[in-house]
């Protein structure tokens, strides 16, 4: 996964806030800036957690007796499978 810049996270938070406030079903209980900052913080936290999951999977693959060649199709398939296990371990759907 590519790292996302702080500016991009901020822009995504703005975009999400705009999309949410366009609907009549969302009423902000706090100031827009506070909500935007909360969204940005949640996005940044989840991106960090995703990087940690990926690192855990890479470490697991590296410790295998016969790991598949890096960037091979077998490696990519194993990586996806182990990522799904990471999500399930955390109780997240894939």
Protein backbone atom coordinates (compact mmCIF):
# COMPACT_ATOMS: atom_id res chain seq x y z
CA UNK A 1 0.00 0.00 0.00
CA UNK A 2 1.18 3.50 -0.74
CA UNK A 3 1.41 6.00 2.06
CA UNK A 4 -1.21 8.70 1.88
CA UNK A 5 -0.10 12.22 2.65
CA UNK A 6 -1.54 14.24 5.48
CA UNK A 7 -2.96 16.66 2.91
CA UNK A 8 -4.77 13.82 1.15
CA UNK A 9 -6.25 12.57 4.43
CA UNK A 10 -7.43 16.11 5.18
CA UNK A 11 -8.98 16.40 1.72
CA UNK A 12 -10.72 13.03 2.11
CA UNK A 13 -12.10 14.18 5.47
CA UNK A 14 -13.43 17.37 3.85
CA UNK A 15 -15.00 15.37 1.02
CA UNK A 16 -16.64 12.93 3.45
CA UNK A 17 -17.98 15.77 5.57
CA UNK A 18 -19.42 17.48 2.50
CA UNK A 19 -21.06 14.26 1.32
CA UNK A 20 -22.52 13.65 4.77
CA UNK A 21 -23.93 17.14 5.16
CA UNK A 22 -25.59 17.08 1.73
CA UNK A 23 -28.05 14.51 3.00
CA UNK A 24 -30.92 15.45 5.23
CA UNK A 25 -30.40 12.36 7.35
CA UNK A 26 -27.18 13.73 8.91
CA UNK A 27 -27.25 16.46 11.52
CA UNK A 28 -23.96 17.65 12.94
CA UNK A 29 -23.95 17.88 16.71
CA UNK A 30 -20.59 19.68 16.78
CA UNK A 31 -18.92 22.37 14.71
CA UNK A 32 -17.96 21.36 11.15
CA UNK A 33 -14.24 21.77 11.87
CA UNK A 34 -14.40 19.50 14.91
CA UNK A 35 -16.23 16.84 12.87
CA UNK A 36 -13.74 17.18 9.99
CA UNK A 37 -10.82 16.77 12.39
CA UNK A 38 -12.45 13.69 13.93
CA UNK A 39 -12.93 12.16 10.49
CA UNK A 40 -9.32 12.92 9.53
CA UNK A 41 -8.07 11.41 12.78
CA UNK A 42 -10.15 8.25 12.26
CA UNK A 43 -8.87 7.90 8.68
CA UNK A 44 -5.25 8.36 9.76
CA UNK A 45 -5.67 5.80 12.56
CA UNK A 46 -7.16 3.24 10.19
CA UNK A 47 -4.41 3.80 7.61
CA UNK A 48 -1.79 3.27 10.30
CA UNK A 49 -3.54 0.09 11.43
CA UNK A 50 -3.65 -1.13 7.82
CA UNK A 51 0.11 -0.61 7.52
CA UNK A 52 0.57 -2.64 10.71
CA UNK A 53 -1.59 -5.46 9.31
CA UNK A 54 0.44 -5.50 6.10
CA UNK A 55 3.71 -5.57 8.04
CA UNK A 56 2.43 -8.48 10.14
CA UNK A 57 1.60 -10.40 6.97
CA UNK A 58 4.99 -9.66 5.40
CA UNK A 59 6.69 -10.85 8.59
CA UNK A 60 4.62 -14.05 8.62
CA UNK A 61 5.54 -14.78 5.00
CA UNK A 62 9.22 -14.04 5.64
CA UNK A 63 9.35 -16.55 8.50
CA UNK A 64 7.95 -19.41 6.40
CA UNK A 65 10.31 -22.27 5.57
CA UNK A 66 9.69 -21.91 1.84
CA UNK A 67 8.13 -18.52 1.21
CA UNK A 68 7.01 -17.76 -2.34
CA UNK A 69 9.16 -15.41 -4.38
CA UNK A 70 8.43 -11.79 -3.65
CA UNK A 71 5.99 -10.19 -6.11
CA UNK A 72 5.12 -13.55 -7.64
CA UNK A 73 1.51 -14.57 -8.19
CA UNK A 74 1.79 -17.10 -5.35
CA UNK A 75 3.12 -14.39 -3.04
CA UNK A 76 0.25 -12.06 -3.90
CA UNK A 77 -2.34 -14.80 -3.37
CA UNK A 78 -0.82 -15.76 -0.02
CA UNK A 79 -0.63 -12.10 0.99
CA UNK A 80 -4.34 -11.60 0.27
CA UNK A 81 -5.24 -14.79 2.17
CA UNK A 82 -3.20 -13.76 5.21
CA UNK A 83 -4.63 -10.22 5.11
CA UNK A 84 -8.12 -11.72 5.22
CA UNK A 85 -7.04 -13.70 8.29
CA UNK A 86 -5.80 -10.46 9.90
CA UNK A 87 -9.17 -8.81 9.28
CA UNK A 88 -11.06 -11.80 10.66
CA UNK A 89 -8.82 -11.89 13.73
CA UNK A 90 -9.84 -8.29 14.41
CA UNK A 91 -13.49 -9.02 13.73
CA UNK A 92 -13.55 -7.01 10.50
CA UNK A 93 -15.24 -8.06 7.28
CA UNK A 94 -13.16 -8.19 4.13
